[in-house]
N, C-alpha and C. Protein backbone atom coordinates (compact mmCIF):
# COMPACT_ATOMS: atom_id res chain seq x y z
N UNK A 1 71.88 116.48 114.04
CA UNK A 1 71.90 115.40 115.00
C UNK A 1 72.79 114.26 114.53
N UNK A 2 72.67 113.89 113.25
CA UNK A 2 73.44 112.79 112.70
C UNK A 2 74.93 113.13 112.69
N UNK A 3 75.27 114.40 112.34
CA UNK A 3 76.67 114.82 112.33
C UNK A 3 77.25 114.79 113.74
N UNK A 4 76.46 115.20 114.72
CA UNK A 4 76.91 115.19 116.10
C UNK A 4 77.19 113.76 116.56
N UNK A 5 76.34 112.83 116.16
CA UNK A 5 76.55 111.43 116.52
C UNK A 5 77.83 110.90 115.89
N UNK A 6 78.06 111.24 114.64
CA UNK A 6 79.28 110.78 113.96
C UNK A 6 80.52 111.39 114.61
N UNK A 7 80.43 112.68 114.96
CA UNK A 7 81.57 113.33 115.62
C UNK A 7 81.84 112.68 116.98
N UNK A 8 80.77 112.40 117.71
CA UNK A 8 80.91 111.75 119.01
C UNK A 8 81.53 110.37 118.84
N UNK A 9 81.08 109.62 117.84
CA UNK A 9 81.65 108.30 117.58
C UNK A 9 83.13 108.42 117.25
N UNK A 10 83.48 109.36 116.39
CA UNK A 10 84.87 109.53 115.99
C UNK A 10 85.75 109.90 117.18
N UNK A 11 85.29 110.82 118.00
CA UNK A 11 86.06 111.23 119.18
C UNK A 11 86.18 110.08 120.16
N UNK A 12 85.11 109.33 120.37
CA UNK A 12 85.16 108.18 121.28
C UNK A 12 86.11 107.12 120.77
N UNK A 13 86.07 106.86 119.47
CA UNK A 13 86.95 105.85 118.89
C UNK A 13 88.41 106.27 119.00
N UNK A 14 88.69 107.54 118.76
CA UNK A 14 90.06 108.03 118.86
C UNK A 14 90.54 107.95 120.31
N UNK A 15 89.68 108.33 121.25
CA UNK A 15 90.05 108.25 122.66
C UNK A 15 90.31 106.80 123.06
N UNK A 16 89.46 105.89 122.62
CA UNK A 16 89.66 104.47 122.94
C UNK A 16 90.96 103.97 122.35
N UNK A 17 91.27 104.41 121.12
CA UNK A 17 92.50 103.98 120.48
C UNK A 17 93.72 104.51 121.24
N UNK A 18 93.67 105.76 121.68
CA UNK A 18 94.78 106.33 122.44
C UNK A 18 94.98 105.60 123.76
N UNK A 19 93.89 105.31 124.44
CA UNK A 19 93.98 104.58 125.71
C UNK A 19 94.56 103.19 125.46
N UNK A 20 94.06 102.52 124.42
CA UNK A 20 94.55 101.18 124.11
C UNK A 20 96.02 101.21 123.74
N UNK A 21 96.44 102.23 123.01
CA UNK A 21 97.86 102.33 122.64
C UNK A 21 98.74 102.51 123.86
N UNK A 22 98.31 103.35 124.79
CA UNK A 22 99.11 103.55 125.99
C UNK A 22 99.14 102.28 126.83
N UNK A 23 98.01 101.57 126.91
CA UNK A 23 97.99 100.30 127.64
C UNK A 23 98.88 99.26 126.95
N UNK A 24 98.84 99.26 125.62
CA UNK A 24 99.66 98.31 124.87
C UNK A 24 101.14 98.56 125.13
N UNK A 25 101.54 99.82 125.16
CA UNK A 25 102.93 100.15 125.43
C UNK A 25 103.32 99.69 126.84
N UNK A 26 102.44 99.90 127.79
CA UNK A 26 102.70 99.46 129.16
C UNK A 26 102.81 97.95 129.24
N UNK A 27 101.90 97.26 128.59
CA UNK A 27 101.91 95.79 128.63
C UNK A 27 103.14 95.24 127.92
N UNK A 28 103.53 95.86 126.81
CA UNK A 28 104.72 95.38 126.11
C UNK A 28 105.96 95.55 126.97
N UNK A 29 105.99 96.62 127.74
CA UNK A 29 107.12 96.83 128.63
C UNK A 29 107.18 95.76 129.72
N UNK A 30 106.02 95.24 130.10
CA UNK A 30 105.96 94.26 131.16
C UNK A 30 105.76 92.84 130.63
N UNK A 31 105.76 92.66 129.30
CA UNK A 31 105.43 91.36 128.74
C UNK A 31 106.45 90.28 129.03
N UNK A 32 107.61 90.66 129.56
CA UNK A 32 108.59 89.66 129.92
C UNK A 32 108.13 88.86 131.13
N UNK A 33 107.05 89.26 131.75
CA UNK A 33 106.56 88.61 132.95
C UNK A 33 105.78 87.34 132.66
N UNK A 34 105.49 87.05 131.41
CA UNK A 34 104.81 85.79 131.13
C UNK A 34 103.79 85.88 130.02
N UNK A 35 103.10 84.76 129.83
CA UNK A 35 102.15 84.63 128.74
C UNK A 35 100.95 85.56 128.89
N UNK A 36 100.54 85.83 130.12
CA UNK A 36 99.40 86.71 130.34
C UNK A 36 99.64 88.08 129.72
N UNK A 37 100.83 88.61 129.89
CA UNK A 37 101.16 89.91 129.31
C UNK A 37 101.11 89.87 127.79
N UNK A 38 101.59 88.77 127.21
CA UNK A 38 101.57 88.64 125.75
C UNK A 38 100.14 88.52 125.24
N UNK A 39 99.32 87.77 125.94
CA UNK A 39 97.92 87.63 125.54
C UNK A 39 97.18 88.96 125.62
N UNK A 40 97.43 89.68 126.70
CA UNK A 40 96.79 90.98 126.88
C UNK A 40 97.25 91.96 125.81
N UNK A 41 98.54 91.95 125.51
CA UNK A 41 99.08 92.83 124.46
C UNK A 41 98.46 92.49 123.11
N UNK A 42 98.28 91.21 122.85
CA UNK A 42 97.68 90.78 121.58
C UNK A 42 96.23 91.25 121.48
N UNK A 43 95.48 91.11 122.56
CA UNK A 43 94.08 91.55 122.55
C UNK A 43 93.97 93.06 122.38
N UNK A 44 94.83 93.79 123.06
CA UNK A 44 94.80 95.25 122.95
C UNK A 44 95.19 95.67 121.54
N UNK A 45 96.18 95.00 120.97
CA UNK A 45 96.60 95.30 119.60
C UNK A 45 95.44 95.05 118.63
N UNK A 46 94.70 93.98 118.86
CA UNK A 46 93.56 93.65 118.01
C UNK A 46 92.46 94.72 118.12
N UNK A 47 92.16 95.13 119.33
CA UNK A 47 91.14 96.16 119.54
C UNK A 47 91.57 97.47 118.90
N UNK A 48 92.82 97.84 119.09
CA UNK A 48 93.34 99.07 118.52
C UNK A 48 93.26 99.05 117.01
N UNK A 49 93.68 97.95 116.42
CA UNK A 49 93.68 97.85 114.96
C UNK A 49 92.25 97.88 114.41
N UNK A 50 91.32 97.24 115.09
CA UNK A 50 89.93 97.26 114.65
C UNK A 50 89.36 98.67 114.69
N UNK A 51 89.63 99.38 115.78
CA UNK A 51 89.15 100.77 115.88
C UNK A 51 89.80 101.65 114.82
N UNK A 52 91.08 101.42 114.57
CA UNK A 52 91.77 102.20 113.55
C UNK A 52 91.13 101.98 112.18
N UNK A 53 90.81 100.74 111.86
CA UNK A 53 90.15 100.44 110.58
C UNK A 53 88.77 101.08 110.52
N UNK A 54 88.03 101.03 111.62
CA UNK A 54 86.71 101.66 111.65
C UNK A 54 86.81 103.17 111.43
N UNK A 55 87.80 103.78 112.04
CA UNK A 55 87.99 105.23 111.88
C UNK A 55 88.37 105.55 110.44
N UNK A 56 89.25 104.74 109.85
CA UNK A 56 89.62 104.97 108.45
C UNK A 56 88.42 104.82 107.51
N UNK A 57 87.57 103.85 107.77
CA UNK A 57 86.36 103.68 106.95
C UNK A 57 85.41 104.86 107.14
N UNK A 58 85.29 105.34 108.37
CA UNK A 58 84.47 106.52 108.65
C UNK A 58 85.00 107.74 107.89
N UNK A 59 86.31 107.90 107.89
CA UNK A 59 86.93 109.02 107.17
C UNK A 59 86.65 108.90 105.67
N UNK A 60 86.76 107.68 105.13
CA UNK A 60 86.47 107.47 103.71
C UNK A 60 85.03 107.88 103.39
N UNK A 61 84.10 107.39 104.18
CA UNK A 61 82.69 107.72 103.94
C UNK A 61 82.45 109.22 104.04
N UNK A 62 83.07 109.86 105.01
CA UNK A 62 82.89 111.30 105.19
C UNK A 62 83.47 112.08 104.02
N UNK A 63 84.67 111.69 103.57
CA UNK A 63 85.27 112.37 102.43
C UNK A 63 84.40 112.24 101.19
N UNK A 64 83.91 111.04 100.94
CA UNK A 64 83.07 110.83 99.75
C UNK A 64 81.77 111.61 99.87
N UNK A 65 81.16 111.60 101.04
CA UNK A 65 79.89 112.32 101.23
C UNK A 65 80.06 113.84 101.11
N UNK A 66 81.22 114.34 101.48
CA UNK A 66 81.45 115.78 101.43
C UNK A 66 81.86 116.26 100.06
N UNK A 67 82.38 115.36 99.23
CA UNK A 67 82.79 115.76 97.87
C UNK A 67 81.55 116.13 97.07
N UNK A 68 81.66 117.17 96.29
CA UNK A 68 80.50 117.67 95.55
C UNK A 68 80.36 116.95 94.21
N UNK A 69 81.42 116.93 93.43
CA UNK A 69 81.35 116.37 92.08
C UNK A 69 81.56 114.86 92.10
N UNK A 70 80.92 114.18 91.18
CA UNK A 70 81.07 112.72 91.08
C UNK A 70 82.52 112.35 90.78
N UNK A 71 83.19 113.16 89.96
CA UNK A 71 84.59 112.89 89.64
C UNK A 71 85.46 112.97 90.89
N UNK A 72 85.17 113.92 91.76
CA UNK A 72 85.93 114.06 93.01
C UNK A 72 85.68 112.85 93.91
N UNK A 73 84.43 112.40 93.97
CA UNK A 73 84.12 111.20 94.76
C UNK A 73 84.86 109.99 94.22
N UNK A 74 84.87 109.85 92.91
CA UNK A 74 85.56 108.73 92.27
C UNK A 74 87.06 108.80 92.54
N UNK A 75 87.64 110.00 92.52
CA UNK A 75 89.07 110.16 92.80
C UNK A 75 89.40 109.74 94.23
N UNK A 76 88.52 110.08 95.16
CA UNK A 76 88.74 109.69 96.57
C UNK A 76 88.69 108.17 96.70
N UNK A 77 87.69 107.55 96.09
CA UNK A 77 87.58 106.09 96.16
C UNK A 77 88.77 105.43 95.48
N UNK A 78 89.19 105.98 94.35
CA UNK A 78 90.34 105.44 93.63
C UNK A 78 91.60 105.48 94.49
N UNK A 79 91.77 106.57 95.22
CA UNK A 79 92.92 106.71 96.13
C UNK A 79 92.89 105.60 97.20
N UNK A 80 91.73 105.36 97.76
CA UNK A 80 91.59 104.32 98.77
C UNK A 80 91.78 102.92 98.18
N UNK A 81 91.30 102.71 96.96
CA UNK A 81 91.48 101.41 96.30
C UNK A 81 92.97 101.14 96.09
N UNK A 82 93.70 102.15 95.62
CA UNK A 82 95.13 102.00 95.40
C UNK A 82 95.86 101.69 96.71
N UNK A 83 95.52 102.42 97.76
CA UNK A 83 96.14 102.17 99.07
C UNK A 83 95.80 100.78 99.58
N UNK A 84 94.55 100.36 99.39
CA UNK A 84 94.13 99.04 99.84
C UNK A 84 94.87 97.93 99.09
N UNK A 85 95.03 98.10 97.79
CA UNK A 85 95.78 97.11 97.00
C UNK A 85 97.21 96.97 97.52
N UNK A 86 97.82 98.10 97.85
CA UNK A 86 99.18 98.08 98.39
C UNK A 86 99.23 97.34 99.72
N UNK A 87 98.26 97.60 100.59
CA UNK A 87 98.22 96.93 101.89
C UNK A 87 97.99 95.42 101.72
N UNK A 88 97.15 95.05 100.76
CA UNK A 88 96.89 93.63 100.51
C UNK A 88 98.17 92.95 100.03
N UNK A 89 98.92 93.62 99.15
CA UNK A 89 100.18 93.06 98.67
C UNK A 89 101.17 92.87 99.82
N UNK A 90 101.21 93.85 100.74
CA UNK A 90 102.09 93.73 101.91
C UNK A 90 101.68 92.56 102.79
N UNK A 91 100.38 92.38 102.98
CA UNK A 91 99.89 91.27 103.81
C UNK A 91 100.22 89.93 103.14
N UNK A 92 100.07 89.86 101.84
CA UNK A 92 100.42 88.62 101.12
C UNK A 92 101.90 88.30 101.28
N UNK A 93 102.74 89.33 101.18
CA UNK A 93 104.19 89.12 101.34
C UNK A 93 104.52 88.67 102.76
N UNK A 94 103.89 89.28 103.75
CA UNK A 94 104.12 88.90 105.14
C UNK A 94 103.68 87.46 105.39
N UNK A 95 102.56 87.09 104.81
CA UNK A 95 102.06 85.71 104.94
C UNK A 95 103.03 84.73 104.29
N UNK A 96 103.52 85.06 103.10
CA UNK A 96 104.46 84.18 102.40
C UNK A 96 105.76 84.04 103.21
N UNK A 97 106.23 85.14 103.80
CA UNK A 97 107.44 85.08 104.63
C UNK A 97 107.23 84.20 105.85
N UNK A 98 106.09 84.35 106.51
CA UNK A 98 105.80 83.54 107.70
C UNK A 98 105.70 82.06 107.34
N UNK A 99 105.07 81.75 106.22
CA UNK A 99 104.94 80.35 105.81
C UNK A 99 106.29 79.77 105.42
N UNK A 100 107.11 80.56 104.75
CA UNK A 100 108.45 80.05 104.38
C UNK A 100 109.30 79.80 105.62
N UNK A 101 109.16 80.65 106.64
CA UNK A 101 109.87 80.42 107.91
C UNK A 101 109.38 79.13 108.56
N UNK A 102 108.07 78.90 108.50
CA UNK A 102 107.50 77.68 109.06
C UNK A 102 108.03 76.45 108.33
N UNK A 103 108.06 76.52 107.00
CA UNK A 103 108.54 75.39 106.20
C UNK A 103 110.03 75.16 106.39
N UNK A 104 110.76 76.21 106.70
CA UNK A 104 112.21 76.08 106.93
C UNK A 104 112.52 75.57 108.34
N UNK A 105 111.48 75.33 109.10
CA UNK A 105 111.68 74.82 110.45
C UNK A 105 111.97 75.89 111.47
N UNK A 106 111.75 77.12 111.11
CA UNK A 106 111.99 78.22 112.03
C UNK A 106 110.70 78.59 112.75
N UNK A 107 110.06 77.59 113.34
CA UNK A 107 108.82 77.84 114.05
C UNK A 107 109.15 78.49 115.38
N UNK A 108 108.53 79.60 115.60
CA UNK A 108 108.76 80.31 116.85
C UNK A 108 107.42 80.58 117.51
N UNK A 109 107.51 81.07 118.70
CA UNK A 109 106.32 81.46 119.44
C UNK A 109 105.60 82.62 118.75
N UNK A 110 106.36 83.39 117.99
CA UNK A 110 105.79 84.55 117.33
C UNK A 110 105.01 84.19 116.07
N UNK A 111 105.17 82.97 115.55
CA UNK A 111 104.49 82.59 114.31
C UNK A 111 102.97 82.73 114.43
N UNK A 112 102.43 82.22 115.50
CA UNK A 112 100.98 82.30 115.69
C UNK A 112 100.53 83.75 115.80
N UNK A 113 101.32 84.57 116.46
CA UNK A 113 100.98 85.99 116.58
C UNK A 113 101.04 86.68 115.22
N UNK A 114 102.05 86.31 114.40
CA UNK A 114 102.16 86.90 113.06
C UNK A 114 100.95 86.52 112.21
N UNK A 115 100.56 85.26 112.26
CA UNK A 115 99.43 84.80 111.47
C UNK A 115 98.13 85.46 111.95
N UNK A 116 98.01 85.64 113.25
CA UNK A 116 96.81 86.31 113.79
C UNK A 116 96.76 87.76 113.32
N UNK A 117 97.91 88.42 113.32
CA UNK A 117 97.97 89.81 112.85
C UNK A 117 97.62 89.91 111.37
N UNK A 118 98.09 88.96 110.59
CA UNK A 118 97.77 88.94 109.16
C UNK A 118 96.28 88.69 108.95
N UNK A 119 95.73 87.77 109.71
CA UNK A 119 94.29 87.49 109.60
C UNK A 119 93.47 88.72 110.00
N UNK A 120 93.91 89.43 111.01
CA UNK A 120 93.23 90.65 111.43
C UNK A 120 93.32 91.71 110.34
N UNK A 121 94.49 91.82 109.72
CA UNK A 121 94.64 92.76 108.59
C UNK A 121 93.66 92.42 107.48
N UNK A 122 93.57 91.14 107.15
CA UNK A 122 92.68 90.72 106.07
C UNK A 122 91.21 91.02 106.42
N UNK A 123 90.85 90.84 107.68
CA UNK A 123 89.48 91.16 108.10
C UNK A 123 89.22 92.66 107.95
N UNK A 124 90.21 93.47 108.31
CA UNK A 124 90.07 94.92 108.15
C UNK A 124 89.97 95.29 106.67
N UNK A 125 90.76 94.62 105.83
CA UNK A 125 90.71 94.89 104.39
C UNK A 125 89.32 94.54 103.85
N UNK A 126 88.77 93.44 104.33
CA UNK A 126 87.43 93.04 103.87
C UNK A 126 86.40 94.08 104.27
N UNK A 127 86.52 94.63 105.48
CA UNK A 127 85.62 95.69 105.93
C UNK A 127 85.74 96.92 105.03
N UNK A 128 86.98 97.30 104.75
CA UNK A 128 87.22 98.46 103.89
C UNK A 128 86.71 98.20 102.48
N UNK A 129 86.88 96.97 102.01
CA UNK A 129 86.37 96.63 100.69
C UNK A 129 84.85 96.76 100.66
N UNK A 130 84.20 96.38 101.74
CA UNK A 130 82.75 96.54 101.83
C UNK A 130 82.34 98.00 101.76
N UNK A 131 83.08 98.84 102.47
CA UNK A 131 82.79 100.28 102.45
C UNK A 131 83.03 100.84 101.05
N UNK A 132 84.15 100.43 100.44
CA UNK A 132 84.45 100.89 99.08
C UNK A 132 83.39 100.40 98.10
N UNK A 133 82.97 99.16 98.26
CA UNK A 133 81.94 98.60 97.38
C UNK A 133 80.64 99.38 97.49
N UNK A 134 80.29 99.74 98.71
CA UNK A 134 79.07 100.53 98.93
C UNK A 134 79.18 101.89 98.24
N UNK A 135 80.32 102.53 98.41
CA UNK A 135 80.52 103.85 97.79
C UNK A 135 80.56 103.74 96.27
N UNK A 136 81.22 102.70 95.76
CA UNK A 136 81.27 102.51 94.31
C UNK A 136 79.89 102.20 93.74
N UNK A 137 79.09 101.43 94.48
CA UNK A 137 77.73 101.13 94.04
C UNK A 137 76.89 102.38 93.94
N UNK A 138 77.02 103.25 94.95
CA UNK A 138 76.28 104.51 94.93
C UNK A 138 76.74 105.39 93.78
N UNK A 139 78.06 105.40 93.55
CA UNK A 139 78.57 106.19 92.43
C UNK A 139 78.09 105.62 91.09
N UNK A 140 78.07 104.31 90.99
CA UNK A 140 77.64 103.67 89.75
C UNK A 140 76.19 103.95 89.41
N UNK A 141 75.36 104.12 90.42
CA UNK A 141 73.94 104.38 90.21
C UNK A 141 73.66 105.82 89.80
N UNK A 142 74.52 106.73 90.20
CA UNK A 142 74.19 108.14 90.01
C UNK A 142 75.16 108.88 89.09
N UNK A 143 75.88 108.17 88.25
CA UNK A 143 76.86 108.85 87.42
C UNK A 143 76.63 108.59 85.94
N UNK A 144 77.19 109.47 85.11
CA UNK A 144 77.10 109.23 83.67
C UNK A 144 77.92 108.01 83.26
N UNK A 145 77.71 107.54 82.06
CA UNK A 145 78.33 106.29 81.61
C UNK A 145 79.85 106.35 81.59
N UNK A 146 80.45 107.50 81.35
CA UNK A 146 81.91 107.59 81.32
C UNK A 146 82.50 107.30 82.69
N UNK A 147 81.90 107.83 83.74
CA UNK A 147 82.39 107.58 85.09
C UNK A 147 82.00 106.17 85.53
N UNK A 148 80.86 105.70 85.08
CA UNK A 148 80.41 104.36 85.43
C UNK A 148 81.42 103.31 84.98
N UNK A 149 82.06 103.55 83.84
CA UNK A 149 83.09 102.62 83.34
C UNK A 149 84.28 102.62 84.28
N UNK A 150 84.69 103.78 84.79
CA UNK A 150 85.79 103.86 85.76
C UNK A 150 85.42 103.14 87.05
N UNK A 151 84.18 103.29 87.48
CA UNK A 151 83.71 102.60 88.68
C UNK A 151 83.79 101.09 88.48
N UNK A 152 83.35 100.62 87.31
CA UNK A 152 83.40 99.18 87.03
C UNK A 152 84.83 98.68 87.04
N UNK A 153 85.77 99.46 86.52
CA UNK A 153 87.18 99.06 86.53
C UNK A 153 87.73 98.97 87.95
N UNK A 154 87.35 99.91 88.81
CA UNK A 154 87.80 99.88 90.21
C UNK A 154 87.23 98.65 90.93
N UNK A 155 85.96 98.35 90.68
CA UNK A 155 85.35 97.18 91.32
C UNK A 155 86.06 95.92 90.86
N UNK A 156 86.34 95.81 89.56
CA UNK A 156 87.04 94.63 89.04
C UNK A 156 88.43 94.50 89.65
N UNK A 157 89.11 95.64 89.84
CA UNK A 157 90.43 95.62 90.45
C UNK A 157 90.39 95.14 91.89
N UNK A 158 89.38 95.55 92.63
CA UNK A 158 89.24 95.10 94.01
C UNK A 158 88.95 93.60 94.10
N UNK A 159 88.09 93.14 93.22
CA UNK A 159 87.71 91.72 93.27
C UNK A 159 88.89 90.83 92.94
N UNK A 160 89.80 91.28 92.10
CA UNK A 160 90.94 90.47 91.73
C UNK A 160 92.00 90.38 92.79
N UNK A 161 92.07 91.36 93.70
CA UNK A 161 93.14 91.38 94.69
C UNK A 161 92.87 90.56 95.91
N UNK A 162 91.66 90.33 96.25
CA UNK A 162 91.35 89.67 97.52
C UNK A 162 91.04 88.26 97.29
C-alpha cells in the first residue's frame, strides 16, 4: 500500500511538472503581452522547480531505502552531498553576479526575477539538506564506527556550505 502511494505521488508529480512545463513554454511565448504573462511564467517556474526538488528528494530516499549495505547507502548520500555542494556554489556565483550587476548600476527588470530564482534554489537546497540530514542521521545510528566517521564528515561538509 505504501509503495503504491509513493508511486502514485511520483507519477502525479511528474505529470504536474510536465503540464507546468508546457504551460510555461506557452506563457513564455506570449510573455511579450505584458506583466501578467511574466508573473504567470514566474509562478509556473516556481511550481515546476518545487515539484522537481520534491521528486529528486523522493528519488534520494528511495535509492537509500533500496540499498542493502550501509556502505552503499553512504555512497548514495555522498553522491547527493557532492552534487548539492556544486549546486550551492553555482547559486552563490549567480547571486554574486546579480549583486555586482546591481552595484554597477545595471539594474534591470530581470534582477528581481533572478534573485527570486536564487532564493527558490536555496529553499530547495535547504529541503534537500533536510532529507540528507535525515538519511545521514539514520545511517549514523545504525552503522559501525568506521562508517559513522564518514557520516560525521559528510554532515560537517553540508553545514559548512550553507
